Amino acid sequence: MSTEETRTAVATYFDAWRDRDFDRLRTVLADDVDFVGVMGTARGADECIAGLRGMAESVMTDLTLHARVADGDDAITWFDLHTASAPPIPTANWSHVENGLITRIRVTFDPRPLGL
């Protein structure tokens, strides 16, 4: 996997999530994608999409991307998660890509501004 293929898959993931285009987002997720984040876990593409959709519909108002570093199969994206109830929350997302599809996602941020 080239760094550029990884960057493309991860860019599609974030663009589609921000646009709430979950059909497009699904095109870059492996069937067995494994997601672990502060607010929950998901096993498989359907669970992952359900979690991202739930976040987009209940918490997220926007995403502001600041930086992305891609190296081979891995990318780290630094962004602010915007919500209606808190100031923008700095967030880090690590994604692992195989054969053009995201297979693992790890997300971390401080959830205290959300009252969690």
N, C-alpha and C. Protein backbone atom coordinates (compact mmCIF):
# COMPACT_ATOMS: atom_id res chain seq x y z
N MET A 1 0.87 -1.18 0.00
CA MET A 1 0.00 0.00 0.00
C MET A 1 0.90 1.22 0.00
N SER A 2 0.58 2.15 -0.85
CA SER A 2 1.36 3.37 -0.89
C SER A 2 0.79 4.40 0.07
N THR A 3 1.62 5.31 0.47
CA THR A 3 1.19 6.39 1.35
C THR A 3 0.07 7.19 0.70
N GLU A 4 0.14 7.39 -0.61
CA GLU A 4 -0.90 8.17 -1.29
C GLU A 4 -2.24 7.44 -1.27
N GLU A 5 -2.25 6.13 -1.42
CA GLU A 5 -3.50 5.36 -1.33
C GLU A 5 -4.10 5.46 0.07
N THR A 6 -3.25 5.41 1.07
CA THR A 6 -3.71 5.57 2.46
C THR A 6 -4.30 6.95 2.65
N ARG A 7 -3.59 7.96 2.21
CA ARG A 7 -4.07 9.35 2.34
C ARG A 7 -5.43 9.52 1.65
N THR A 8 -5.60 8.93 0.48
CA THR A 8 -6.86 9.04 -0.26
C THR A 8 -8.01 8.37 0.49
N ALA A 9 -7.79 7.17 1.00
CA ALA A 9 -8.84 6.46 1.75
C ALA A 9 -9.26 7.25 2.98
N VAL A 10 -8.28 7.77 3.71
CA VAL A 10 -8.58 8.50 4.94
C VAL A 10 -9.24 9.85 4.62
N ALA A 11 -8.82 10.51 3.57
CA ALA A 11 -9.47 11.77 3.17
C ALA A 11 -10.92 11.52 2.80
N THR A 12 -11.20 10.44 2.09
CA THR A 12 -12.57 10.09 1.74
C THR A 12 -13.40 9.84 2.99
N TYR A 13 -12.83 9.12 3.95
CA TYR A 13 -13.52 8.85 5.22
C TYR A 13 -13.96 10.15 5.89
N PHE A 14 -13.03 11.08 6.05
CA PHE A 14 -13.36 12.33 6.74
C PHE A 14 -14.29 13.23 5.93
N ASP A 15 -14.06 13.33 4.62
CA ASP A 15 -14.94 14.15 3.78
C ASP A 15 -16.36 13.61 3.81
N ALA A 16 -16.50 12.30 3.68
CA ALA A 16 -17.83 11.69 3.66
C ALA A 16 -18.51 11.81 5.03
N TRP A 17 -17.75 11.64 6.10
CA TRP A 17 -18.34 11.76 7.45
C TRP A 17 -18.83 13.19 7.67
N ARG A 18 -18.00 14.16 7.34
CA ARG A 18 -18.39 15.56 7.52
C ARG A 18 -19.62 15.90 6.67
N ASP A 19 -19.69 15.33 5.46
CA ASP A 19 -20.82 15.57 4.56
C ASP A 19 -22.03 14.69 4.87
N ARG A 20 -21.86 13.79 5.82
CA ARG A 20 -22.91 12.83 6.19
C ARG A 20 -23.33 11.97 5.00
N ASP A 21 -22.35 11.62 4.20
CA ASP A 21 -22.54 10.76 3.04
C ASP A 21 -22.07 9.35 3.43
N PHE A 22 -22.93 8.62 4.11
CA PHE A 22 -22.53 7.34 4.68
C PHE A 22 -22.38 6.23 3.64
N ASP A 23 -23.03 6.35 2.50
CA ASP A 23 -22.80 5.40 1.42
C ASP A 23 -21.37 5.54 0.89
N ARG A 24 -20.93 6.77 0.71
CA ARG A 24 -19.55 7.01 0.25
C ARG A 24 -18.55 6.60 1.33
N LEU A 25 -18.85 6.88 2.57
CA LEU A 25 -17.95 6.50 3.66
C LEU A 25 -17.77 4.98 3.69
N ARG A 26 -18.85 4.26 3.44
CA ARG A 26 -18.79 2.79 3.46
C ARG A 26 -17.81 2.26 2.43
N THR A 27 -17.60 2.97 1.32
CA THR A 27 -16.73 2.48 0.25
C THR A 27 -15.26 2.38 0.66
N VAL A 28 -14.87 3.03 1.76
CA VAL A 28 -13.47 2.97 2.19
C VAL A 28 -13.29 2.17 3.47
N LEU A 29 -14.35 1.50 3.94
CA LEU A 29 -14.25 0.67 5.14
C LEU A 29 -14.19 -0.80 4.76
N ALA A 30 -13.25 -1.53 5.35
CA ALA A 30 -13.22 -2.98 5.18
C ALA A 30 -14.44 -3.58 5.89
N ASP A 31 -14.92 -4.71 5.39
CA ASP A 31 -16.08 -5.35 6.01
C ASP A 31 -15.83 -5.63 7.49
N ASP A 32 -14.59 -5.95 7.85
CA ASP A 32 -14.27 -6.30 9.23
C ASP A 32 -13.52 -5.18 9.97
N VAL A 33 -13.77 -3.92 9.59
CA VAL A 33 -13.11 -2.79 10.24
C VAL A 33 -13.32 -2.86 11.75
N ASP A 34 -12.30 -2.49 12.48
CA ASP A 34 -12.32 -2.51 13.94
C ASP A 34 -12.13 -1.08 14.44
N PHE A 35 -13.13 -0.55 15.14
CA PHE A 35 -13.12 0.84 15.63
C PHE A 35 -13.11 0.83 17.15
N VAL A 36 -12.18 1.61 17.73
CA VAL A 36 -12.15 1.81 19.17
C VAL A 36 -11.97 3.30 19.42
N GLY A 37 -12.92 3.87 20.15
CA GLY A 37 -12.86 5.29 20.46
C GLY A 37 -13.30 5.57 21.89
N VAL A 38 -13.24 6.81 22.26
CA VAL A 38 -13.59 7.23 23.61
C VAL A 38 -15.06 6.91 23.93
N MET A 39 -15.92 7.05 22.93
CA MET A 39 -17.35 6.89 23.17
C MET A 39 -17.88 5.50 22.82
N GLY A 40 -17.00 4.60 22.39
CA GLY A 40 -17.48 3.26 22.10
C GLY A 40 -16.59 2.50 21.13
N THR A 41 -17.03 1.30 20.83
CA THR A 41 -16.32 0.43 19.90
C THR A 41 -17.30 -0.05 18.84
N ALA A 42 -16.76 -0.49 17.72
CA ALA A 42 -17.58 -1.07 16.66
C ALA A 42 -16.78 -2.15 15.97
N ARG A 43 -17.45 -3.24 15.68
CA ARG A 43 -16.83 -4.35 14.95
C ARG A 43 -17.60 -4.52 13.65
N GLY A 44 -16.93 -4.32 12.56
CA GLY A 44 -17.55 -4.47 11.25
C GLY A 44 -18.05 -3.14 10.72
N ALA A 45 -18.19 -3.11 9.40
CA ALA A 45 -18.54 -1.86 8.72
C ALA A 45 -19.92 -1.35 9.12
N ASP A 46 -20.90 -2.24 9.27
CA ASP A 46 -22.25 -1.79 9.63
C ASP A 46 -22.28 -1.11 10.99
N GLU A 47 -21.61 -1.71 11.98
CA GLU A 47 -21.55 -1.09 13.31
C GLU A 47 -20.78 0.23 13.27
N CYS A 48 -19.71 0.26 12.51
CA CYS A 48 -18.90 1.48 12.39
C CYS A 48 -19.73 2.61 11.78
N ILE A 49 -20.43 2.31 10.70
CA ILE A 49 -21.27 3.33 10.06
C ILE A 49 -22.36 3.78 11.02
N ALA A 50 -22.97 2.85 11.74
CA ALA A 50 -24.02 3.22 12.70
C ALA A 50 -23.48 4.16 13.76
N GLY A 51 -22.28 3.88 14.26
CA GLY A 51 -21.67 4.75 15.27
C GLY A 51 -21.33 6.12 14.73
N LEU A 52 -20.75 6.18 13.54
CA LEU A 52 -20.40 7.46 12.94
C LEU A 52 -21.65 8.27 12.59
N ARG A 53 -22.68 7.58 12.13
CA ARG A 53 -23.95 8.25 11.83
C ARG A 53 -24.56 8.81 13.12
N GLY A 54 -24.55 8.00 14.17
CA GLY A 54 -25.08 8.46 15.46
C GLY A 54 -24.32 9.67 15.98
N MET A 55 -23.01 9.66 15.86
CA MET A 55 -22.20 10.79 16.29
C MET A 55 -22.53 12.03 15.45
N ALA A 56 -22.66 11.84 14.14
CA ALA A 56 -22.95 12.97 13.25
C ALA A 56 -24.33 13.55 13.50
N GLU A 57 -25.28 12.70 13.84
CA GLU A 57 -26.66 13.17 14.02
C GLU A 57 -26.95 13.69 15.42
N SER A 58 -26.17 13.25 16.41
CA SER A 58 -26.50 13.65 17.78
C SER A 58 -25.50 14.61 18.42
N VAL A 59 -24.27 14.59 17.97
CA VAL A 59 -23.22 15.37 18.65
C VAL A 59 -22.50 16.33 17.71
N MET A 60 -22.05 15.83 16.58
CA MET A 60 -21.17 16.58 15.68
C MET A 60 -21.93 17.62 14.86
N THR A 61 -21.38 18.82 14.84
CA THR A 61 -21.91 19.84 13.94
C THR A 61 -20.96 20.11 12.78
N ASP A 62 -19.66 19.83 12.98
CA ASP A 62 -18.68 20.03 11.92
C ASP A 62 -17.36 19.39 12.35
N LEU A 63 -16.46 19.29 11.41
CA LEU A 63 -15.08 18.86 11.66
C LEU A 63 -14.16 19.88 11.02
N THR A 64 -13.11 20.26 11.73
CA THR A 64 -12.07 21.12 11.15
C THR A 64 -10.77 20.33 11.17
N LEU A 65 -10.30 19.95 9.99
CA LEU A 65 -9.07 19.19 9.91
C LEU A 65 -7.88 20.14 9.94
N HIS A 66 -6.88 19.77 10.75
CA HIS A 66 -5.68 20.60 10.90
C HIS A 66 -4.46 19.98 10.26
N ALA A 67 -4.31 18.66 10.41
CA ALA A 67 -3.12 18.01 9.87
C ALA A 67 -3.39 16.53 9.66
N ARG A 68 -2.71 15.99 8.65
CA ARG A 68 -2.76 14.55 8.41
C ARG A 68 -1.35 14.11 8.07
N VAL A 69 -0.91 13.08 8.71
CA VAL A 69 0.39 12.49 8.42
C VAL A 69 0.14 11.06 7.99
N ALA A 70 0.58 10.71 6.81
CA ALA A 70 0.42 9.34 6.31
C ALA A 70 1.79 8.76 6.02
N ASP A 71 1.95 7.49 6.40
CA ASP A 71 3.21 6.78 6.19
C ASP A 71 2.86 5.33 5.89
N GLY A 72 3.01 4.93 4.65
CA GLY A 72 2.66 3.56 4.27
C GLY A 72 1.18 3.30 4.51
N ASP A 73 0.89 2.29 5.33
CA ASP A 73 -0.49 1.86 5.60
C ASP A 73 -1.19 2.66 6.70
N ASP A 74 -0.50 3.59 7.33
CA ASP A 74 -1.04 4.27 8.50
C ASP A 74 -1.17 5.77 8.28
N ALA A 75 -2.22 6.34 8.88
CA ALA A 75 -2.42 7.79 8.83
C ALA A 75 -2.93 8.27 10.18
N ILE A 76 -2.44 9.41 10.59
CA ILE A 76 -2.95 10.08 11.79
C ILE A 76 -3.50 11.42 11.34
N THR A 77 -4.75 11.67 11.75
CA THR A 77 -5.42 12.92 11.41
C THR A 77 -5.72 13.67 12.70
N TRP A 78 -5.32 14.92 12.74
CA TRP A 78 -5.59 15.80 13.89
C TRP A 78 -6.69 16.76 13.46
N PHE A 79 -7.80 16.78 14.22
CA PHE A 79 -8.92 17.63 13.85
C PHE A 79 -9.66 18.12 15.08
N ASP A 80 -10.48 19.13 14.89
CA ASP A 80 -11.39 19.60 15.94
C ASP A 80 -12.77 19.05 15.64
N LEU A 81 -13.35 18.43 16.65
CA LEU A 81 -14.73 17.95 16.58
C LEU A 81 -15.62 19.07 17.11
N HIS A 82 -16.48 19.60 16.26
CA HIS A 82 -17.38 20.68 16.67
C HIS A 82 -18.71 20.08 17.10
N THR A 83 -19.23 20.60 18.21
CA THR A 83 -20.52 20.18 18.72
C THR A 83 -21.33 21.42 19.10
N ALA A 84 -22.62 21.23 19.29
CA ALA A 84 -23.47 22.34 19.70
C ALA A 84 -23.33 22.63 21.20
N SER A 85 -22.79 21.68 21.95
CA SER A 85 -22.80 21.82 23.40
C SER A 85 -21.45 22.15 24.03
N ALA A 86 -20.38 22.23 23.23
CA ALA A 86 -19.05 22.44 23.79
C ALA A 86 -18.18 23.16 22.76
N PRO A 87 -17.10 23.78 23.24
CA PRO A 87 -16.13 24.35 22.29
C PRO A 87 -15.53 23.22 21.45
N PRO A 88 -14.91 23.54 20.32
CA PRO A 88 -14.29 22.50 19.49
C PRO A 88 -13.35 21.63 20.33
N ILE A 89 -13.42 20.32 20.08
CA ILE A 89 -12.65 19.34 20.86
C ILE A 89 -11.51 18.80 20.00
N PRO A 90 -10.25 19.06 20.40
CA PRO A 90 -9.11 18.50 19.66
C PRO A 90 -9.15 16.97 19.70
N THR A 91 -8.98 16.36 18.53
CA THR A 91 -9.15 14.91 18.40
C THR A 91 -8.05 14.33 17.52
N ALA A 92 -7.59 13.15 17.88
CA ALA A 92 -6.62 12.42 17.05
C ALA A 92 -7.26 11.12 16.58
N ASN A 93 -7.07 10.81 15.31
CA ASN A 93 -7.60 9.59 14.70
C ASN A 93 -6.45 8.88 14.00
N TRP A 94 -6.21 7.61 14.39
CA TRP A 94 -5.25 6.76 13.69
C TRP A 94 -6.04 5.77 12.85
N SER A 95 -5.71 5.67 11.58
CA SER A 95 -6.35 4.73 10.68
C SER A 95 -5.30 3.85 10.03
N HIS A 96 -5.62 2.57 9.91
CA HIS A 96 -4.75 1.62 9.21
C HIS A 96 -5.49 1.17 7.95
N VAL A 97 -4.79 1.19 6.82
CA VAL A 97 -5.41 0.89 5.53
C VAL A 97 -4.71 -0.31 4.90
N GLU A 98 -5.52 -1.24 4.40
CA GLU A 98 -5.01 -2.40 3.66
C GLU A 98 -5.82 -2.54 2.39
N ASN A 99 -5.13 -2.69 1.27
CA ASN A 99 -5.80 -2.86 -0.03
C ASN A 99 -6.82 -1.76 -0.30
N GLY A 100 -6.50 -0.53 0.11
CA GLY A 100 -7.36 0.61 -0.16
C GLY A 100 -8.52 0.79 0.79
N LEU A 101 -8.65 -0.10 1.80
CA LEU A 101 -9.75 -0.03 2.75
C LEU A 101 -9.24 0.15 4.17
N ILE A 102 -9.96 0.93 4.94
CA ILE A 102 -9.59 1.15 6.34
C ILE A 102 -9.99 -0.08 7.15
N THR A 103 -9.01 -0.67 7.84
CA THR A 103 -9.26 -1.89 8.61
C THR A 103 -9.27 -1.65 10.11
N ARG A 104 -8.59 -0.59 10.57
CA ARG A 104 -8.56 -0.28 12.00
C ARG A 104 -8.62 1.22 12.19
N ILE A 105 -9.38 1.65 13.19
CA ILE A 105 -9.50 3.06 13.53
C ILE A 105 -9.41 3.18 15.04
N ARG A 106 -8.58 4.09 15.50
CA ARG A 106 -8.48 4.40 16.93
C ARG A 106 -8.63 5.91 17.07
N VAL A 107 -9.49 6.35 17.98
CA VAL A 107 -9.77 7.77 18.14
C VAL A 107 -9.63 8.13 19.61
N THR A 108 -9.00 9.27 19.85
CA THR A 108 -8.88 9.74 21.22
C THR A 108 -9.10 11.24 21.31
N PHE A 109 -9.80 11.63 22.38
CA PHE A 109 -10.03 13.03 22.71
C PHE A 109 -10.47 13.11 24.16
N ASP A 110 -10.47 14.29 24.70
CA ASP A 110 -10.93 14.51 26.08
C ASP A 110 -12.45 14.67 26.04
N PRO A 111 -13.22 13.72 26.57
CA PRO A 111 -14.68 13.80 26.48
C PRO A 111 -15.33 14.69 27.54
N ARG A 112 -14.55 15.22 28.47
CA ARG A 112 -15.16 16.01 29.56
C ARG A 112 -15.99 17.18 29.09
N PRO A 113 -15.61 17.92 28.02
CA PRO A 113 -16.48 19.01 27.57
C PRO A 113 -17.88 18.54 27.15
N LEU A 114 -18.02 17.26 26.82
CA LEU A 114 -19.32 16.73 26.42
C LEU A 114 -20.14 16.24 27.62
N GLY A 115 -19.55 16.38 28.80
CA GLY A 115 -20.24 15.93 30.01
C GLY A 115 -20.17 14.43 30.21
N LEU A 116 -19.20 13.78 29.58
CA LEU A 116 -19.07 12.31 29.72
C LEU A 116 -18.08 11.92 30.78
